[in-house]
């Protein structure tokens, strides 16, 4: 059985200092726990460097602003703390989780005087999905829950409360033997998976939903750039569920998911085709530190 996350060894950066992993705690009456006044980031390190470190920090600050609070550190301080936390682990490849939340001075819906707490943890995290399933593509269910209207939630913040319906959707999918679920938005348009953006391929063109009510992922933007650099056309548009029957390939993108082929969404089947495979390889190269990119590309080519 895996070691629970509150019982691991090492240090966590918390409110400006390093504390032993098992001592990095918050009070049961913290506002962030009761009212979801919490924002976070998910980042990966490759070869000892955090991919898109500054972009993730910028989004953390934007999420905090959307949630009505200000982080008590500068972006430069957070970037430095992330890198030092990673270095302390001795890990070259790892997952990095900065998180900020309202503390426990006030308990109630209003908590404007609460201290803003910040922590950063780093741990090993391999493939998000079963590696054995990636060759044929993972299977997705269709979620019952939908991404909310921007008028009803701060949908462009990476805020903890927005993931409640993602957990419900993923649990329901896993109970039926699927790896994840595809969520529609409040209008019934295709949106995203529970923790990753989605792309489709048809006739050599890549199609992806316009992120107007869900996160425009950092990995999503990276993959769009990689595709366009390779001469592939990427169309961001409204995608209706009925269109899924006409797409040939499908893949997910996200920090945890990286680029993950999809073989099935409910009754619809997809091939893990040339475009998906090329972007899987391109992303593996792109995330490596500058000095390792050529070696990584050569290694991928050798087994292709």
Protein backbone atom coordinates (compact mmCIF):
# COMPACT_ATOMS: atom_id res chain seq x y z
CA UNK A 1 0.00 0.00 0.00
CA UNK A 2 1.28 3.48 -0.86
CA UNK A 3 2.42 5.71 1.99
CA UNK A 4 -0.35 8.23 2.86
CA UNK A 5 0.47 11.78 1.86
CA UNK A 6 0.51 12.99 5.47
CA UNK A 7 3.05 10.36 6.51
CA UNK A 8 5.84 10.85 3.97
CA UNK A 9 9.42 11.81 4.69
CA UNK A 10 11.17 15.02 3.69
CA UNK A 11 10.37 18.71 4.06
CA UNK A 12 7.57 20.99 2.91
CA UNK A 13 7.99 24.72 2.43
CA UNK A 14 5.27 26.32 4.53
CA UNK A 15 4.76 30.02 5.19
CA UNK A 16 8.34 30.88 4.36
CA UNK A 17 10.20 28.09 6.21
CA UNK A 18 10.84 24.40 5.73
CA UNK A 19 9.06 22.07 8.14
CA UNK A 20 9.22 18.27 8.44
CA UNK A 21 6.69 16.70 6.05
CA UNK A 22 4.59 15.16 8.84
CA UNK A 23 4.37 18.51 10.67
CA UNK A 24 2.98 20.50 7.71
CA UNK A 25 -0.55 20.80 9.08
CA UNK A 26 -3.48 23.22 9.16
CA UNK A 27 -6.20 23.59 11.73
CA UNK A 28 -9.50 21.78 11.27
CA UNK A 29 -11.26 25.18 11.34
CA UNK A 30 -9.25 26.66 8.49
CA UNK A 31 -11.45 28.64 6.13
CA UNK A 32 -9.90 26.94 3.10
CA UNK A 33 -11.17 23.56 4.30
CA UNK A 34 -14.73 24.67 5.05
CA UNK A 35 -15.36 27.19 2.28
CA UNK A 36 -12.89 26.16 -0.44
CA UNK A 37 -11.02 29.48 -0.30
CA UNK A 38 -7.97 27.72 -1.69
CA UNK A 39 -5.98 27.85 -4.93
CA UNK A 40 -3.17 25.63 -6.14
CA UNK A 41 -0.94 24.63 -9.03
CA UNK A 42 0.20 21.31 -10.42
CA UNK A 43 3.65 21.37 -11.98
CA UNK A 44 6.22 18.83 -13.13
CA UNK A 45 9.98 18.91 -12.94
CA UNK A 46 12.04 17.18 -15.60
CA UNK A 47 15.77 16.71 -15.27
CA UNK A 48 15.83 18.88 -12.15
CA UNK A 49 14.05 21.87 -13.70
CA UNK A 50 10.39 22.87 -13.24
CA UNK A 51 8.69 23.11 -16.61
CA UNK A 52 7.06 26.52 -17.17
CA UNK A 53 7.81 27.45 -13.56
CA UNK A 54 7.10 31.15 -13.99
CA UNK A 55 3.88 30.58 -15.97
CA UNK A 56 2.50 28.37 -13.21
CA UNK A 57 3.38 30.96 -10.58
CA UNK A 58 1.70 33.69 -12.59
CA UNK A 59 -1.45 31.57 -12.75
CA UNK A 60 -1.31 30.91 -9.00
CA UNK A 61 -1.31 34.67 -8.38
CA UNK A 62 -4.13 35.19 -10.90
CA UNK A 63 -6.18 32.46 -9.21
CA UNK A 64 -5.65 34.05 -5.79
CA UNK A 65 -6.77 37.41 -7.16
CA UNK A 66 -9.89 35.79 -8.63
CA UNK A 67 -10.62 34.31 -5.21
CA UNK A 68 -10.27 37.72 -3.55
CA UNK A 69 -7.02 37.34 -1.68
CA UNK A 70 -3.39 38.36 -2.13
CA UNK A 71 -0.42 36.06 -1.66
CA UNK A 72 2.02 37.33 1.00
CA UNK A 73 5.06 36.58 -1.19
CA UNK A 74 6.34 37.87 -4.49
CA UNK A 75 6.32 35.68 -7.62
CA UNK A 76 10.12 35.63 -7.47
CA UNK A 77 10.00 34.34 -3.88
CA UNK A 78 7.54 31.59 -4.82
CA UNK A 79 9.67 30.55 -7.79
CA UNK A 80 12.76 30.40 -5.59
CA UNK A 81 10.90 28.41 -2.92
CA UNK A 82 9.64 25.89 -5.51
CA UNK A 83 13.14 25.35 -6.84
CA UNK A 84 14.65 25.02 -3.37
CA UNK A 85 11.96 22.55 -2.31
CA UNK A 86 12.67 20.47 -5.41
CA UNK A 87 16.41 20.58 -4.75
CA UNK A 88 15.91 19.36 -1.17
CA UNK A 89 14.18 16.22 -2.42
CA UNK A 90 17.10 15.25 -4.63
CA UNK A 91 14.60 14.31 -7.34
CA UNK A 92 15.25 15.04 -11.01
CA UNK A 93 11.70 14.22 -12.15
CA UNK A 94 8.91 15.15 -9.74
CA UNK A 95 5.51 16.74 -9.19
CA UNK A 96 5.40 20.20 -7.60
CA UNK A 97 2.32 21.42 -5.70
CA UNK A 98 2.11 25.05 -4.48
CA UNK A 99 -1.09 25.73 -2.56
CA UNK A 100 -2.51 28.85 -0.87
CA UNK A 101 -5.53 29.11 1.40
CA UNK A 102 -7.30 31.29 3.96
CA UNK A 103 -6.39 30.44 7.53
CA UNK A 104 -8.43 30.13 10.71
CA UNK A 105 -8.75 33.61 12.28
CA UNK A 106 -12.41 33.92 11.20
CA UNK A 107 -14.93 31.15 10.60
CA UNK A 108 -17.88 31.98 8.39
CA UNK A 109 -18.58 32.87 4.80
CA UNK A 110 -16.84 36.21 5.28
CA UNK A 111 -13.20 35.87 6.29
CA UNK A 112 -11.48 38.96 4.95
CA UNK A 113 -9.06 39.24 7.88
CA UNK A 114 -7.78 35.68 7.69
CA UNK A 115 -4.08 35.07 7.19
CA UNK A 116 -3.20 33.72 3.76
CA UNK A 117 -1.19 30.53 4.16
CA UNK A 118 1.12 29.14 1.46
CA UNK A 119 2.84 25.79 1.15
CA UNK A 120 4.88 23.95 -1.47
CA UNK A 121 5.36 20.18 -1.59
CA UNK A 122 7.31 18.03 -4.04
CA UNK A 123 7.03 14.29 -4.56
CA UNK A 124 7.61 11.59 -7.19
CA UNK A 125 4.65 11.10 -9.53
CA UNK A 126 4.93 8.82 -12.56
CA UNK A 127 2.35 8.54 -15.35
CA UNK A 128 -1.08 9.86 -14.33
CA UNK A 129 -2.81 7.03 -16.18
CA UNK A 130 -1.97 3.33 -16.44
CA UNK A 131 1.07 3.17 -18.76
CA UNK A 132 -0.16 -0.15 -20.17
CA UNK A 133 -3.32 1.56 -21.45
CA UNK A 134 -1.53 4.42 -23.19
CA UNK A 135 -0.57 2.45 -26.29
CA UNK A 136 -4.21 1.79 -27.21
CA UNK A 137 -5.53 4.95 -25.58
CA UNK A 138 -7.38 5.34 -22.29
CA UNK A 139 -11.14 4.95 -21.96
CA UNK A 140 -13.36 7.87 -20.89
CA UNK A 141 -16.94 7.85 -19.69
CA UNK A 142 -19.34 10.75 -20.26
CA UNK A 143 -19.71 12.70 -17.03
CA UNK A 144 -23.10 13.68 -15.62
CA UNK A 145 -21.69 16.87 -14.07
CA UNK A 146 -20.97 19.92 -16.22
CA UNK A 147 -18.44 22.73 -16.06
CA UNK A 148 -20.18 25.79 -14.59
CA UNK A 149 -21.30 29.03 -16.18
CA UNK A 150 -18.65 31.78 -15.74
CA UNK A 151 -21.40 33.85 -14.11
CA UNK A 152 -21.72 31.25 -11.35
CA UNK A 153 -18.08 30.39 -10.52
CA UNK A 154 -14.56 31.80 -11.00
CA UNK A 155 -14.00 29.24 -13.75
CA UNK A 156 -10.59 30.50 -14.87
CA UNK A 157 -9.06 30.15 -11.40
CA UNK A 158 -7.35 26.94 -10.42
CA UNK A 159 -9.45 26.89 -7.27
CA UNK A 160 -10.02 23.87 -5.07
CA UNK A 161 -13.82 24.12 -5.00
CA UNK A 162 -14.09 23.80 -8.77
CA UNK A 163 -12.65 20.29 -8.57
CA UNK A 164 -15.46 18.82 -6.45
CA UNK A 165 -17.47 17.87 -9.55
CA UNK A 166 -14.28 16.55 -11.16
CA UNK A 167 -13.75 14.15 -8.26
CA UNK A 168 -17.38 13.04 -8.44
CA UNK A 169 -17.12 12.50 -12.20
CA UNK A 170 -13.83 10.62 -12.05
CA UNK A 171 -15.01 8.38 -9.21
CA UNK A 172 -18.17 7.52 -11.13
CA UNK A 173 -16.14 6.73 -14.26
CA UNK A 174 -13.64 4.57 -12.39
CA UNK A 175 -16.48 2.64 -10.76
CA UNK A 176 -17.56 1.63 -14.27
CA UNK A 177 -14.06 0.63 -15.37
CA UNK A 178 -13.08 3.85 -17.18
CA UNK A 179 -9.90 5.84 -16.56
CA UNK A 180 -11.57 9.26 -16.57
CA UNK A 181 -14.60 11.17 -17.81
CA UNK A 182 -15.31 13.79 -20.45
CA UNK A 183 -17.24 16.76 -19.10
CA UNK A 184 -19.57 19.02 -21.05
CA UNK A 185 -20.01 22.67 -20.14
CA UNK A 186 -23.16 24.38 -18.88
CA UNK A 187 -24.39 24.77 -22.49
CA UNK A 188 -23.91 21.12 -23.36
CA UNK A 189 -20.72 21.71 -25.38
CA UNK A 190 -17.65 19.51 -25.07
CA UNK A 191 -15.37 21.02 -22.40
CA UNK A 192 -12.58 18.91 -20.91
CA UNK A 193 -11.75 15.81 -18.89
CA UNK A 194 -11.77 15.97 -15.09
CA UNK A 195 -8.20 17.27 -14.90
CA UNK A 196 -7.00 17.74 -18.46
CA UNK A 197 -7.87 19.53 -21.69
CA UNK A 198 -9.07 17.54 -24.71
CA UNK A 199 -8.10 17.58 -28.39
CA UNK A 200 -9.51 15.80 -31.44
CA UNK A 201 -8.10 15.09 -34.92
CA UNK A 202 -10.00 14.93 -38.19
CA UNK A 203 -8.61 15.04 -41.72
CA UNK A 204 -5.21 16.19 -40.48
CA UNK A 205 -6.60 19.13 -38.48
CA UNK A 206 -6.62 19.38 -34.70
CA UNK A 207 -9.77 20.62 -32.97
CA UNK A 208 -10.06 21.68 -29.33
CA UNK A 209 -12.82 23.41 -27.33
CA UNK A 210 -12.50 27.15 -26.73
CA UNK A 211 -11.59 27.54 -23.03
CA UNK A 212 -14.22 30.14 -22.16
CA UNK A 213 -15.51 28.39 -19.01
CA UNK A 214 -12.59 26.18 -17.98
CA UNK A 215 -8.82 26.45 -17.66
CA UNK A 216 -6.73 27.25 -20.70
CA UNK A 217 -4.08 24.82 -19.52
CA UNK A 218 -0.38 25.60 -19.67
CA UNK A 219 0.21 22.17 -21.21
CA UNK A 220 -2.65 22.86 -23.62
CA UNK A 221 -0.95 26.04 -24.82
CA UNK A 222 2.39 24.23 -25.12
CA UNK A 223 0.90 21.48 -27.27
CA UNK A 224 -0.88 23.98 -29.52
CA UNK A 225 2.45 25.71 -30.05
CA UNK A 226 4.22 22.42 -30.78
CA UNK A 227 1.53 21.41 -33.26
CA UNK A 228 1.66 24.71 -35.13
CA UNK A 229 5.47 24.59 -35.23
CA UNK A 230 5.05 21.29 -37.07
CA UNK A 231 2.72 22.77 -39.63
CA UNK A 232 -0.44 21.33 -38.12
CA UNK A 233 -3.58 23.43 -38.09
CA UNK A 234 -5.20 23.85 -34.67
CA UNK A 235 -8.79 25.06 -34.54
CA UNK A 236 -10.18 26.34 -31.23
CA UNK A 237 -13.97 26.26 -31.46
CA UNK A 238 -17.26 25.06 -30.03
CA UNK A 239 -17.48 21.27 -30.27
CA UNK A 240 -20.81 19.52 -29.87
CA UNK A 241 -21.11 15.99 -28.43
CA UNK A 242 -22.63 14.71 -31.71
CA UNK A 243 -19.35 15.53 -33.45
CA UNK A 244 -17.40 12.92 -31.48
CA UNK A 245 -18.50 10.24 -33.93
CA UNK A 246 -16.61 11.95 -36.75
CA UNK A 247 -13.20 12.41 -35.14
CA UNK A 248 -10.35 10.01 -35.87
CA UNK A 249 -7.97 10.67 -32.98
CA UNK A 250 -8.30 12.09 -29.48
CA UNK A 251 -5.84 12.99 -26.75
CA UNK A 252 -5.71 14.79 -23.40
CA UNK A 253 -3.18 17.35 -22.20
CA UNK A 254 -2.27 18.46 -18.71
CA UNK A 255 0.65 18.72 -16.30
CA UNK A 256 -0.24 15.38 -14.73
CA UNK A 257 -1.60 13.74 -17.89
CA UNK A 258 1.12 15.23 -20.14
CA UNK A 259 -0.08 14.12 -23.62
CA UNK A 260 -2.29 11.06 -23.20
CA UNK A 261 -3.93 9.22 -26.12
CA UNK A 262 -7.65 8.42 -25.83
CA UNK A 263 -9.07 5.31 -27.42
CA UNK A 264 -12.68 5.60 -26.34
CA UNK A 265 -15.21 8.13 -25.02
CA UNK A 266 -18.46 6.38 -24.14
CA UNK A 267 -19.72 4.82 -27.40
CA UNK A 268 -17.13 6.60 -29.58
CA UNK A 269 -13.80 5.02 -30.58
CA UNK A 270 -10.56 6.65 -31.71
CA UNK A 271 -7.25 5.50 -33.15
CA UNK A 272 -3.94 6.38 -31.56
CA UNK A 273 -2.75 7.84 -34.83
CA UNK A 274 0.25 9.60 -36.28
CA UNK A 275 -0.62 13.11 -35.09
CA UNK A 276 -1.21 12.02 -31.50
CA UNK A 277 1.99 9.98 -31.44
CA UNK A 278 4.01 12.85 -32.91
CA UNK A 279 2.78 15.25 -30.22
CA UNK A 280 3.47 12.74 -27.45
CA UNK A 281 7.07 12.61 -28.66
CA UNK A 282 7.33 16.37 -29.22
CA UNK A 283 6.12 17.11 -25.71
CA UNK A 284 8.59 14.66 -24.17
CA UNK A 285 11.37 16.60 -25.85
CA UNK A 286 9.93 20.05 -25.07
CA UNK A 287 9.76 19.53 -21.31
CA UNK A 288 13.40 18.56 -20.96
CA UNK A 289 15.97 21.13 -19.80
CA UNK A 290 17.82 22.76 -22.68
CA UNK A 291 20.92 20.61 -22.36
CA UNK A 292 18.93 17.37 -22.41
CA UNK A 293 16.62 18.08 -25.35
CA UNK A 294 18.88 16.70 -28.07
CA UNK A 295 19.60 13.50 -26.14
CA UNK A 296 15.92 13.01 -25.41
CA UNK A 297 14.96 13.51 -29.04
CA UNK A 298 17.64 11.04 -30.14
CA UNK A 299 16.46 8.44 -27.60
CA UNK A 300 12.84 8.78 -28.71
CA UNK A 301 13.83 8.46 -32.35
CA UNK A 302 15.82 5.31 -31.57
CA UNK A 303 12.76 3.46 -30.22
CA UNK A 304 10.20 4.95 -32.61
